[in-house]
Amino acid sequence: MSKGEADGKALTEEQLKGGKLVIKGDNYKLTMGEKEVIEGTEKLDPTKTPKTIDIVNSNGPDKGKTFLGIYNIKGDRFRVAFSQPGKPRPTKFKTEPESGQWLHVWTRTKD
């Protein structure tokens, strides 16, 4: 993870450190730091404007819940913004204070 924000505040270097996202087909594995690993499935719709993404975690406290989001891919950069389950889908790649939304910018690496 190269950049991020939540509720209108930029994520700290410490929060960004160790962030890794692996996508294989419709499945994802998100690692935050050394402890938190979240897995699940994703569904993309590139025909919408902005493009939409829905994810469902298969483990953790939000297991089975659907998060609505938007995404953009440009070169090696994958940008996503999500709302909490039950909240409306974000409409922009920016979060506001107390919105419950978050934005992550991922940069592809060669592993």
PDB file of N, CA and C in Angstrom:
ATOM      1  N   MET A   1       0.859  -1.162   0.000  1.00  0.00           N
ATOM      2  CA  MET A   1       0.000   0.000   0.000  1.00  0.00           C
ATOM      3  C   MET A   1       0.908   1.228   0.000  1.00  0.00           C
ATOM      4  N   SER A   2       0.691   2.098  -0.958  1.00  0.00           N
ATOM      5  CA  SER A   2       1.559   3.265  -1.072  1.00  0.00           C
ATOM      6  C   SER A   2       0.946   4.522  -0.459  1.00  0.00           C
ATOM      7  N   LYS A   3      -0.390   4.510  -0.257  1.00  0.00           N
ATOM      8  CA  LYS A   3      -1.064   5.687   0.254  1.00  0.00           C
ATOM      9  C   LYS A   3      -2.438   5.277   0.749  1.00  0.00           C
ATOM     10  N   GLY A   4      -3.013   6.058   1.646  1.00  0.00           N
ATOM     11  CA  GLY A   4      -4.368   5.764   2.090  1.00  0.00           C
ATOM     12  C   GLY A   4      -4.897   6.842   3.005  1.00  0.00           C
ATOM     13  N   GLU A   5      -6.195   6.797   3.214  1.00  0.00           N
ATOM     14  CA  GLU A   5      -6.838   7.704   4.158  1.00  0.00           C
ATOM     15  C   GLU A   5      -8.116   7.058   4.661  1.00  0.00           C
ATOM     16  N   ALA A   6      -8.550   7.524   5.814  1.00  0.00           N
ATOM     17  CA  ALA A   6      -9.798   7.048   6.410  1.00  0.00           C
ATOM     18  C   ALA A   6     -10.443   8.212   7.145  1.00  0.00           C
ATOM     19  N   ASP A   7     -11.732   8.388   6.951  1.00  0.00           N
ATOM     20  CA  ASP A   7     -12.468   9.470   7.614  1.00  0.00           C
ATOM     21  C   ASP A   7     -11.790  10.824   7.456  1.00  0.00           C
ATOM     22  N   GLY A   8     -11.254  11.095   6.266  1.00  0.00           N
ATOM     23  CA  GLY A   8     -10.667  12.385   5.983  1.00  0.00           C
ATOM     24  C   GLY A   8      -9.245  12.587   6.462  1.00  0.00           C
ATOM     25  N   LYS A   9      -8.636  11.556   7.054  1.00  0.00           N
ATOM     26  CA  LYS A   9      -7.268  11.679   7.562  1.00  0.00           C
ATOM     27  C   LYS A   9      -6.350  10.705   6.849  1.00  0.00           C
ATOM     28  N   ALA A  10      -5.169  11.199   6.460  1.00  0.00           N
ATOM     29  CA  ALA A  10      -4.182  10.350   5.803  1.00  0.00           C
ATOM     30  C   ALA A  10      -3.694   9.265   6.757  1.00  0.00           C
ATOM     31  N   LEU A  11      -3.468   8.066   6.225  1.00  0.00           N
ATOM     32  CA  LEU A  11      -2.884   6.999   7.026  1.00  0.00           C
ATOM     33  C   LEU A  11      -1.420   7.340   7.300  1.00  0.00           C
ATOM     34  N   THR A  12      -0.936   6.943   8.459  1.00  0.00           N
ATOM     35  CA  THR A  12       0.443   7.213   8.842  1.00  0.00           C
ATOM     36  C   THR A  12       1.376   6.221   8.155  1.00  0.00           C
ATOM     37  N   GLU A  13       2.650   6.537   8.152  1.00  0.00           N
ATOM     38  CA  GLU A  13       3.653   5.621   7.602  1.00  0.00           C
ATOM     39  C   GLU A  13       3.581   4.269   8.315  1.00  0.00           C
ATOM     40  N   GLU A  14       3.347   4.298   9.609  1.00  0.00           N
ATOM     41  CA  GLU A  14       3.251   3.055  10.385  1.00  0.00           C
ATOM     42  C   GLU A  14       2.056   2.227   9.917  1.00  0.00           C
ATOM     43  N   GLN A  15       0.922   2.874   9.641  1.00  0.00           N
ATOM     44  CA  GLN A  15      -0.267   2.165   9.167  1.00  0.00           C
ATOM     45  C   GLN A  15      -0.051   1.596   7.767  1.00  0.00           C
ATOM     46  N   LEU A  16       0.705   2.303   6.942  1.00  0.00           N
ATOM     47  CA  LEU A  16       0.968   1.847   5.578  1.00  0.00           C
ATOM     48  C   LEU A  16       1.980   0.709   5.537  1.00  0.00           C
ATOM     49  N   LYS A  17       2.874   0.688   6.504  1.00  0.00           N
ATOM     50  CA  LYS A  17       3.967  -0.286   6.539  1.00  0.00           C
ATOM     51  C   LYS A  17       3.414  -1.713   6.586  1.00  0.00           C
ATOM     52  N   GLY A  18       3.882  -2.529   5.701  1.00  0.00           N
ATOM     53  CA  GLY A  18       3.482  -3.933   5.691  1.00  0.00           C
ATOM     54  C   GLY A  18       2.158  -4.213   5.008  1.00  0.00           C
ATOM     55  N   GLY A  19       1.509  -3.171   4.460  1.00  0.00           N
ATOM     56  CA  GLY A  19       0.247  -3.389   3.762  1.00  0.00           C
ATOM     57  C   GLY A  19       0.492  -4.104   2.437  1.00  0.00           C
ATOM     58  N   LYS A  20      -0.194  -5.218   2.240  1.00  0.00           N
ATOM     59  CA  LYS A  20      -0.005  -6.006   1.022  1.00  0.00           C
ATOM     60  C   LYS A  20      -1.356  -6.558   0.579  1.00  0.00           C
ATOM     61  N   LEU A  21      -1.621  -6.493  -0.719  1.00  0.00           N
ATOM     62  CA  LEU A  21      -2.854  -7.008  -1.297  1.00  0.00           C
ATOM     63  C   LEU A  21      -2.497  -7.962  -2.419  1.00  0.00           C
ATOM     64  N   VAL A  22      -3.030  -9.191  -2.334  1.00  0.00           N
ATOM     65  CA  VAL A  22      -2.810 -10.179  -3.384  1.00  0.00           C
ATOM     66  C   VAL A  22      -4.185 -10.539  -3.939  1.00  0.00           C
ATOM     67  N   ILE A  23      -4.332 -10.391  -5.254  1.00  0.00           N
ATOM     68  CA  ILE A  23      -5.594 -10.711  -5.926  1.00  0.00           C
ATOM     69  C   ILE A  23      -5.339 -11.845  -6.903  1.00  0.00           C
ATOM     70  N   LYS A  24      -6.135 -12.905  -6.772  1.00  0.00           N
ATOM     71  CA  LYS A  24      -6.074 -14.038  -7.694  1.00  0.00           C
ATOM     72  C   LYS A  24      -7.503 -14.339  -8.119  1.00  0.00           C
ATOM     73  N   GLY A  25      -7.802 -14.018  -9.379  1.00  0.00           N
ATOM     74  CA  GLY A  25      -9.173 -14.202  -9.861  1.00  0.00           C
ATOM     75  C   GLY A  25     -10.109 -13.281  -9.106  1.00  0.00           C
ATOM     76  N   ASP A  26     -11.152 -13.846  -8.497  1.00  0.00           N
ATOM     77  CA  ASP A  26     -12.111 -13.065  -7.722  1.00  0.00           C
ATOM     78  C   ASP A  26     -11.803 -13.081  -6.229  1.00  0.00           C
ATOM     79  N   ASN A  27     -10.648 -13.596  -5.848  1.00  0.00           N
ATOM     80  CA  ASN A  27     -10.286 -13.708  -4.435  1.00  0.00           C
ATOM     81  C   ASN A  27      -9.181 -12.725  -4.082  1.00  0.00           C
ATOM     82  N   TYR A  28      -9.241 -12.229  -2.854  1.00  0.00           N
ATOM     83  CA  TYR A  28      -8.201 -11.320  -2.385  1.00  0.00           C
ATOM     84  C   TYR A  28      -7.711 -11.746  -1.003  1.00  0.00           C
ATOM     85  N   LYS A  29      -6.486 -11.338  -0.722  1.00  0.00           N
ATOM     86  CA  LYS A  29      -5.892 -11.537   0.591  1.00  0.00           C
ATOM     87  C   LYS A  29      -5.198 -10.236   0.953  1.00  0.00           C
ATOM     88  N   LEU A  30      -5.664  -9.621   2.022  1.00  0.00           N
ATOM     89  CA  LEU A  30      -5.150  -8.338   2.476  1.00  0.00           C
ATOM     90  C   LEU A  30      -4.375  -8.554   3.768  1.00  0.00           C
ATOM     91  N   THR A  31      -3.136  -8.101   3.783  1.00  0.00           N
ATOM     92  CA  THR A  31      -2.317  -8.178   4.982  1.00  0.00           C
ATOM     93  C   THR A  31      -1.999  -6.758   5.420  1.00  0.00           C
ATOM     94  N   MET A  32      -2.303  -6.454   6.665  1.00  0.00           N
ATOM     95  CA  MET A  32      -1.991  -5.141   7.228  1.00  0.00           C
ATOM     96  C   MET A  32      -1.020  -5.377   8.390  1.00  0.00           C
ATOM     97  N   GLY A  33       0.216  -4.919   8.215  1.00  0.00           N
ATOM     98  CA  GLY A  33       1.216  -5.181   9.242  1.00  0.00           C
ATOM     99  C   GLY A  33       1.526  -6.657   9.299  1.00  0.00           C
ATOM    100  N   GLU A  34       1.888  -7.117  10.470  1.00  0.00           N
ATOM    101  CA  GLU A  34       2.246  -8.527  10.636  1.00  0.00           C
ATOM    102  C   GLU A  34       1.106  -9.368  11.189  1.00  0.00           C
ATOM    103  N   LYS A  35       0.045  -8.735  11.657  1.00  0.00           N
ATOM    104  CA  LYS A  35      -0.983  -9.460  12.387  1.00  0.00           C
ATOM    105  C   LYS A  35      -2.271  -9.688  11.622  1.00  0.00           C
ATOM    106  N   GLU A  36      -2.788  -8.668  10.983  1.00  0.00           N
ATOM    107  CA  GLU A  36      -4.130  -8.741  10.416  1.00  0.00           C
ATOM    108  C   GLU A  36      -4.114  -9.263   8.981  1.00  0.00           C
ATOM    109  N   VAL A  37      -4.812 -10.370   8.763  1.00  0.00           N
ATOM    110  CA  VAL A  37      -4.965 -10.933   7.427  1.00  0.00           C
ATOM    111  C   VAL A  37      -6.455 -11.106   7.166  1.00  0.00           C
ATOM    112  N   ILE A  38      -6.923 -10.491   6.107  1.00  0.00           N
ATOM    113  CA  ILE A  38      -8.336 -10.585   5.733  1.00  0.00           C
ATOM    114  C   ILE A  38      -8.413 -11.172   4.332  1.00  0.00           C
ATOM    115  N   GLU A  39      -9.279 -12.157   4.169  1.00  0.00           N
ATOM    116  CA  GLU A  39      -9.477 -12.784   2.870  1.00  0.00           C
ATOM    117  C   GLU A  39     -10.938 -12.641   2.471  1.00  0.00           C
ATOM    118  N   GLY A  40     -11.191 -12.714   1.171  1.00  0.00           N
ATOM    119  CA  GLY A  40     -12.563 -12.627   0.711  1.00  0.00           C
ATOM    120  C   GLY A  40     -12.655 -12.681  -0.790  1.00  0.00           C
ATOM    121  N   THR A  41     -13.838 -12.303  -1.285  1.00  0.00           N
ATOM    122  CA  THR A  41     -14.091 -12.298  -2.720  1.00  0.00           C
ATOM    123  C   THR A  41     -14.467 -10.887  -3.162  1.00  0.00           C
ATOM    124  N   GLU A  42     -14.226 -10.626  -4.436  1.00  0.00           N
ATOM    125  CA  GLU A  42     -14.547  -9.322  -4.986  1.00  0.00           C
ATOM    126  C   GLU A  42     -15.303  -9.476  -6.292  1.00  0.00           C
ATOM    127  N   LYS A  43     -16.111  -8.468  -6.585  1.00  0.00           N
ATOM    128  CA  LYS A  43     -16.852  -8.434  -7.845  1.00  0.00           C
ATOM    129  C   LYS A  43     -16.681  -7.042  -8.422  1.00  0.00           C
ATOM    130  N   LEU A  44     -16.116  -6.967  -9.629  1.00  0.00           N
ATOM    131  CA  LEU A  44     -15.865  -5.700 -10.301  1.00  0.00           C
ATOM    132  C   LEU A  44     -16.907  -5.456 -11.382  1.00  0.00           C
ATOM    133  N   ASP A  45     -17.248  -4.181 -11.581  1.00  0.00           N
ATOM    134  CA  ASP A  45     -18.103  -3.804 -12.703  1.00  0.00           C
ATOM    135  C   ASP A  45     -17.466  -2.605 -13.400  1.00  0.00           C
ATOM    136  N   PRO A  46     -16.670  -2.879 -14.455  1.00  0.00           N
ATOM    137  CA  PRO A  46     -15.987  -1.800 -15.160  1.00  0.00           C
ATOM    138  C   PRO A  46     -16.892  -0.993 -16.094  1.00  0.00           C
ATOM    139  N   THR A  47     -18.176  -1.384 -16.208  1.00  0.00           N
ATOM    140  CA  THR A  47     -19.080  -0.664 -17.100  1.00  0.00           C
ATOM    141  C   THR A  47     -19.688   0.567 -16.435  1.00  0.00           C
ATOM    142  N   LYS A  48     -19.578   0.676 -15.122  1.00  0.00           N
ATOM    143  CA  LYS A  48     -20.140   1.815 -14.381  1.00  0.00           C
ATOM    144  C   LYS A  48     -19.141   2.964 -14.358  1.00  0.00           C
ATOM    145  N   THR A  49     -19.640   4.171 -14.077  1.00  0.00           N
ATOM    146  CA  THR A  49     -18.786   5.333 -13.923  1.00  0.00           C
ATOM    147  C   THR A  49     -19.129   6.006 -12.599  1.00  0.00           C
ATOM    148  N   PRO A  50     -18.220   6.025 -11.619  1.00  0.00           N
ATOM    149  CA  PRO A  50     -16.924   5.345 -11.651  1.00  0.00           C
ATOM    150  C   PRO A  50     -17.114   3.829 -11.592  1.00  0.00           C
ATOM    151  N   LYS A  51     -16.058   3.094 -11.926  1.00  0.00           N
ATOM    152  CA  LYS A  51     -16.092   1.631 -11.891  1.00  0.00           C
ATOM    153  C   LYS A  51     -16.380   1.188 -10.459  1.00  0.00           C
ATOM    154  N   THR A  52     -17.168   0.113 -10.316  1.00  0.00           N
ATOM    155  CA  THR A  52     -17.556  -0.328  -8.975  1.00  0.00           C
ATOM    156  C   THR A  52     -16.897  -1.644  -8.596  1.00  0.00           C
ATOM    157  N   ILE A  53     -16.741  -1.811  -7.284  1.00  0.00           N
ATOM    158  CA  ILE A  53     -16.189  -3.030  -6.708  1.00  0.00           C
ATOM    159  C   ILE A  53     -16.977  -3.337  -5.438  1.00  0.00           C
ATOM    160  N   ASP A  54     -17.380  -4.576  -5.282  1.00  0.00           N
ATOM    161  CA  ASP A  54     -18.023  -5.049  -4.060  1.00  0.00           C
ATOM    162  C   ASP A  54     -17.152  -6.151  -3.495  1.00  0.00           C
ATOM    163  N   ILE A  55     -16.866  -6.083  -2.193  1.00  0.00           N
ATOM    164  CA  ILE A  55     -16.076  -7.136  -1.559  1.00  0.00           C
ATOM    165  C   ILE A  55     -16.852  -7.739  -0.408  1.00  0.00           C
ATOM    166  N   VAL A  56     -16.596  -9.019  -0.158  1.00  0.00           N
ATOM    167  CA  VAL A  56     -17.190  -9.737   0.969  1.00  0.00           C
ATOM    168  C   VAL A  56     -16.054 -10.462   1.673  1.00  0.00           C
ATOM    169  N   ASN A  57     -15.835 -10.104   2.938  1.00  0.00           N
ATOM    170  CA  ASN A  57     -14.788 -10.768   3.715  1.00  0.00           C
ATOM    171  C   ASN A  57     -15.227 -12.179   4.083  1.00  0.00           C
ATOM    172  N   SER A  58     -14.305 -13.130   3.998  1.00  0.00           N
ATOM    173  CA  SER A  58     -14.626 -14.513   4.368  1.00  0.00           C
ATOM    174  C   SER A  58     -14.101 -14.874   5.759  1.00  0.00           C
ATOM    175  N   ASN A  59     -13.476 -13.903   6.442  1.00  0.00           N
ATOM    176  CA  ASN A  59     -13.022 -14.136   7.813  1.00  0.00           C
ATOM    177  C   ASN A  59     -13.041 -12.810   8.566  1.00  0.00           C
ATOM    178  N   GLY A  60     -12.714 -12.861   9.838  1.00  0.00           N
ATOM    179  CA  GLY A  60     -12.632 -11.657  10.644  1.00  0.00           C
ATOM    180  C   GLY A  60     -13.982 -11.173  11.143  1.00  0.00           C
ATOM    181  N   PRO A  61     -13.977 -10.017  11.820  1.00  0.00           N
ATOM    182  CA  PRO A  61     -15.210  -9.506  12.428  1.00  0.00           C
ATOM    183  C   PRO A  61     -16.285  -9.106  11.416  1.00  0.00           C
ATOM    184  N   ASP A  62     -15.899  -8.825  10.184  1.00  0.00           N
ATOM    185  CA  ASP A  62     -16.874  -8.455   9.154  1.00  0.00           C
ATOM    186  C   ASP A  62     -17.157  -9.594   8.177  1.00  0.00           C
ATOM    187  N   LYS A  63     -16.936 -10.816   8.629  1.00  0.00           N
ATOM    188  CA  LYS A  63     -17.171 -11.999   7.796  1.00  0.00           C
ATOM    189  C   LYS A  63     -18.594 -11.980   7.242  1.00  0.00           C
ATOM    190  N   GLY A  64     -18.711 -12.153   5.918  1.00  0.00           N
ATOM    191  CA  GLY A  64     -20.014 -12.231   5.268  1.00  0.00           C
ATOM    192  C   GLY A  64     -20.647 -10.898   4.936  1.00  0.00           C
ATOM    193  N   LYS A  65     -20.043  -9.796   5.375  1.00  0.00           N
ATOM    194  CA  LYS A  65     -20.619  -8.482   5.101  1.00  0.00           C
ATOM    195  C   LYS A  65     -20.097  -7.951   3.775  1.00  0.00           C
ATOM    196  N   THR A  66     -20.962  -7.196   3.073  1.00  0.00           N
ATOM    197  CA  THR A  66     -20.597  -6.627   1.780  1.00  0.00           C
ATOM    198  C   THR A  66     -20.209  -5.164   1.942  1.00  0.00           C
ATOM    199  N   PHE A  67     -19.045  -4.835   1.392  1.00  0.00           N
ATOM    200  CA  PHE A  67     -18.559  -3.455   1.355  1.00  0.00           C
ATOM    201  C   PHE A  67     -18.673  -2.975  -0.083  1.00  0.00           C
ATOM    202  N   LEU A  68     -19.340  -1.834  -0.282  1.00  0.00           N
ATOM    203  CA  LEU A  68     -19.494  -1.256  -1.620  1.00  0.00           C
ATOM    204  C   LEU A  68     -18.385  -0.250  -1.856  1.00  0.00           C
ATOM    205  N   GLY A  69     -17.804  -0.293  -3.067  1.00  0.00           N
ATOM    206  CA  GLY A  69     -16.711   0.612  -3.350  1.00  0.00           C
ATOM    207  C   GLY A  69     -16.639   1.016  -4.806  1.00  0.00           C
ATOM    208  N   ILE A  70     -15.641   1.847  -5.075  1.00  0.00           N
ATOM    209  CA  ILE A  70     -15.307   2.256  -6.437  1.00  0.00           C
ATOM    210  C   ILE A  70     -13.821   2.001  -6.633  1.00  0.00           C
ATOM    211  N   TYR A  71     -13.420   1.848  -7.891  1.00  0.00           N
ATOM    212  CA  TYR A  71     -12.006   1.587  -8.142  1.00  0.00           C
ATOM    213  C   TYR A  71     -11.551   2.240  -9.434  1.00  0.00           C
ATOM    214  N   ASN A  72     -10.218   2.328  -9.551  1.00  0.00           N
ATOM    215  CA  ASN A  72      -9.577   2.878 -10.736  1.00  0.00           C
ATOM    216  C   ASN A  72      -8.236   2.184 -10.877  1.00  0.00           C
ATOM    217  N   ILE A  73      -7.908   1.779 -12.088  1.00  0.00           N
ATOM    218  CA  ILE A  73      -6.596   1.185 -12.358  1.00  0.00           C
ATOM    219  C   ILE A  73      -5.917   2.050 -13.410  1.00  0.00           C
ATOM    220  N   LYS A  74      -4.708   2.485 -13.096  1.00  0.00           N
ATOM    221  CA  LYS A  74      -3.922   3.276 -14.039  1.00  0.00           C
ATOM    222  C   LYS A  74      -2.486   2.790 -13.948  1.00  0.00           C
ATOM    223  N   GLY A  75      -2.036   2.111 -15.005  1.00  0.00           N
ATOM    224  CA  GLY A  75      -0.690   1.543 -14.980  1.00  0.00           C
ATOM    225  C   GLY A  75      -0.576   0.513 -13.867  1.00  0.00           C
ATOM    226  N   ASP A  76       0.394   0.690 -12.981  1.00  0.00           N
ATOM    227  CA  ASP A  76       0.602  -0.231 -11.851  1.00  0.00           C
ATOM    228  C   ASP A  76      -0.100   0.236 -10.587  1.00  0.00           C
ATOM    229  N   ARG A  77      -0.973   1.239 -10.697  1.00  0.00           N
ATOM    230  CA  ARG A  77      -1.663   1.771  -9.525  1.00  0.00           C
ATOM    231  C   ARG A  77      -3.126   1.330  -9.499  1.00  0.00           C
ATOM    232  N   PHE A  78      -3.555   0.786  -8.347  1.00  0.00           N
ATOM    233  CA  PHE A  78      -4.920   0.332  -8.119  1.00  0.00           C
ATOM    234  C   PHE A  78      -5.460   1.154  -6.953  1.00  0.00           C
ATOM    235  N   ARG A  79      -6.460   1.975  -7.245  1.00  0.00           N
ATOM    236  CA  ARG A  79      -7.023   2.867  -6.230  1.00  0.00           C
ATOM    237  C   ARG A  79      -8.452   2.424  -5.936  1.00  0.00           C
ATOM    238  N   VAL A  80      -8.784   2.281  -4.633  1.00  0.00           N
ATOM    239  CA  VAL A  80     -10.119   1.858  -4.225  1.00  0.00           C
ATOM    240  C   VAL A  80     -10.611   2.723  -3.067  1.00  0.00           C
ATOM    241  N   ALA A  81     -11.907   2.950  -3.046  1.00  0.00           N
ATOM    242  CA  ALA A  81     -12.551   3.641  -1.927  1.00  0.00           C
ATOM    243  C   ALA A  81     -13.774   2.822  -1.545  1.00  0.00           C
ATOM    244  N   PHE A  82     -13.963   2.630  -0.241  1.00  0.00           N
ATOM    245  CA  PHE A  82     -15.062   1.807   0.265  1.00  0.00           C
ATOM    246  C   PHE A  82     -15.844   2.518   1.357  1.00  0.00           C
ATOM    247  N   SER A  83     -17.098   2.095   1.508  1.00  0.00           N
ATOM    248  CA  SER A  83     -17.951   2.504   2.617  1.00  0.00           C
ATOM    249  C   SER A  83     -18.155   1.307   3.533  1.00  0.00           C
ATOM    250  N   GLN A  84     -18.558   1.569   4.749  1.00  0.00           N
ATOM    251  CA  GLN A  84     -18.895   0.514   5.697  1.00  0.00           C
ATOM    252  C   GLN A  84     -20.137  -0.240   5.203  1.00  0.00           C
ATOM    253  N   PRO A  85     -20.301  -1.508   5.612  1.00  0.00           N
ATOM    254  CA  PRO A  85     -21.490  -2.269   5.201  1.00  0.00           C
ATOM    255  C   PRO A  85     -22.781  -1.527   5.555  1.00  0.00           C
ATOM    256  N   GLY A  86     -23.724  -1.535   4.628  1.00  0.00           N
ATOM    257  CA  GLY A  86     -25.013  -0.880   4.843  1.00  0.00           C
ATOM    258  C   GLY A  86     -25.021   0.595   4.491  1.00  0.00           C
ATOM    259  N   LYS A  87     -23.877   1.157   4.146  1.00  0.00           N
ATOM    260  CA  LYS A  87     -23.780   2.573   3.787  1.00  0.00           C
ATOM    261  C   LYS A  87     -23.711   2.717   2.267  1.00  0.00           C
ATOM    262  N   PRO A  88     -24.085   3.892   1.749  1.00  0.00           N
ATOM    263  CA  PRO A  88     -24.038   4.095   0.292  1.00  0.00           C
ATOM    264  C   PRO A  88     -22.616   3.992  -0.263  1.00  0.00           C
ATOM    265  N   ARG A  89     -22.525   3.585  -1.506  1.00  0.00           N
ATOM    266  CA  ARG A  89     -21.244   3.477  -2.203  1.00  0.00           C
ATOM    267  C   ARG A  89     -20.598   4.863  -2.304  1.00  0.00           C
ATOM    268  N   PRO A  90     -19.280   4.958  -2.114  1.00  0.00           N
ATOM    269  CA  PRO A  90     -18.613   6.249  -2.317  1.00  0.00           C
ATOM    270  C   PRO A  90     -18.790   6.718  -3.759  1.00  0.00           C
ATOM    271  N   THR A  91     -18.691   8.014  -3.962  1.00  0.00           N
ATOM    272  CA  THR A  91     -18.821   8.569  -5.307  1.00  0.00           C
ATOM    273  C   THR A  91     -17.533   9.236  -5.762  1.00  0.00           C
ATOM    274  N   LYS A  92     -16.552   9.355  -4.850  1.00  0.00           N
ATOM    275  CA  LYS A  92     -15.284   9.994  -5.194  1.00  0.00           C
ATOM    276  C   LYS A  92     -14.144   9.330  -4.425  1.00  0.00           C
ATOM    277  N   PHE A  93     -12.940   9.557  -4.886  1.00  0.00           N
ATOM    278  CA  PHE A  93     -11.745   8.987  -4.273  1.00  0.00           C
ATOM    279  C   PHE A  93     -11.188   9.952  -3.228  1.00  0.00           C
ATOM    280  N   LYS A  94     -12.021  10.245  -2.246  1.00  0.00           N
ATOM    281  CA  LYS A  94     -11.660  11.130  -1.149  1.00  0.00           C
ATOM    282  C   LYS A  94     -12.610  10.806  -0.005  1.00  0.00           C
ATOM    283  N   THR A  95     -12.096  10.835   1.215  1.00  0.00           N
ATOM    284  CA  THR A  95     -12.950  10.554   2.367  1.00  0.00           C
ATOM    285  C   THR A  95     -13.207  11.839   3.142  1.00  0.00           C
ATOM    286  N   GLU A  96     -14.292  11.848   3.868  1.00  0.00           N
ATOM    287  CA  GLU A  96     -14.669  12.994   4.694  1.00  0.00           C
ATOM    288  C   GLU A  96     -14.665  12.569   6.159  1.00  0.00           C
ATOM    289  N   PRO A  97     -14.442  13.507   7.085  1.00  0.00           N
ATOM    290  CA  PRO A  97     -14.483  13.166   8.510  1.00  0.00           C
ATOM    291  C   PRO A  97     -15.795  12.477   8.888  1.00  0.00           C
ATOM    292  N   GLU A  98     -15.673  11.443   9.708  1.00  0.00           N
ATOM    293  CA  GLU A  98     -16.807  10.678  10.237  1.00  0.00           C
ATOM    294  C   GLU A  98     -17.675  10.032   9.162  1.00  0.00           C
ATOM    295  N   SER A  99     -17.110   9.816   7.976  1.00  0.00           N
ATOM    296  CA  SER A  99     -17.865   9.185   6.887  1.00  0.00           C
ATOM    297  C   SER A  99     -17.864   7.665   6.981  1.00  0.00           C
ATOM    298  N   GLY A 100     -16.881   7.108   7.707  1.00  0.00           N
ATOM    299  CA  GLY A 100     -16.749   5.657   7.754  1.00  0.00           C
ATOM    300  C   GLY A 100     -16.163   5.094   6.471  1.00  0.00           C
ATOM    301  N   GLN A 101     -15.704   5.964   5.590  1.00  0.00           N
ATOM    302  CA  GLN A 101     -15.123   5.522   4.319  1.00  0.00           C
ATOM    303  C   GLN A 101     -13.608   5.469   4.418  1.00  0.00           C
ATOM    304  N   TRP A 102     -13.001   4.656   3.552  1.00  0.00           N
ATOM    305  CA  TRP A 102     -11.549   4.623   3.474  1.00  0.00           C
ATOM    306  C   TRP A 102     -11.114   4.501   2.030  1.00  0.00           C
ATOM    307  N   LEU A 103      -9.893   4.954   1.784  1.00  0.00           N
ATOM    308  CA  LEU A 103      -9.288   4.963   0.465  1.00  0.00           C
ATOM    309  C   LEU A 103      -7.913   4.324   0.576  1.00  0.00           C
ATOM    310  N   HIS A 104      -7.628   3.396  -0.322  1.00  0.00           N
ATOM    311  CA  HIS A 104      -6.300   2.777  -0.390  1.00  0.00           C
ATOM    312  C   HIS A 104      -5.761   2.922  -1.805  1.00  0.00           C
ATOM    313  N   VAL A 105      -4.480   3.201  -1.908  1.00  0.00           N
ATOM    314  CA  VAL A 105      -3.795   3.224  -3.200  1.00  0.00           C
ATOM    315  C   VAL A 105      -2.717   2.155  -3.136  1.00  0.00           C
ATOM    316  N   TRP A 106      -2.824   1.206  -4.035  1.00  0.00           N
ATOM    317  CA  TRP A 106      -1.890   0.071  -4.090  1.00  0.00           C
ATOM    318  C   TRP A 106      -1.023   0.205  -5.327  1.00  0.00           C
ATOM    319  N   THR A 107       0.245  -0.076  -5.181  1.00  0.00           N
ATOM    320  CA  THR A 107       1.167  -0.058  -6.303  1.00  0.00           C
ATOM    321  C   THR A 107       1.689  -1.468  -6.533  1.00  0.00           C
ATOM    322  N   ARG A 108       1.579  -1.947  -7.771  1.00  0.00           N
ATOM    323  CA  ARG A 108       1.988  -3.305  -8.115  1.00  0.00           C
ATOM    324  C   ARG A 108       3.493  -3.464  -7.887  1.00  0.00           C
ATOM    325  N   THR A 109       3.844  -4.586  -7.276  1.00  0.00           N
ATOM    326  CA  THR A 109       5.251  -4.941  -7.107  1.00  0.00           C
ATOM    327  C   THR A 109       5.485  -6.280  -7.779  1.00  0.00           C
ATOM    328  N   LYS A 110       6.718  -6.563  -8.065  1.00  0.00           N
ATOM    329  CA  LYS A 110       7.055  -7.855  -8.687  1.00  0.00           C
ATOM    330  C   LYS A 110       7.626  -8.766  -7.620  1.00  0.00           C
ATOM    331  N   ASP A 111       6.839  -9.764  -7.240  1.00  0.00           N
ATOM    332  CA  ASP A 111       7.279 -10.768  -6.236  1.00  0.00           C
ATOM    333  C   ASP A 111       7.542 -12.085  -6.897  1.00  0.00           C
TER     334      ASP A 111
END
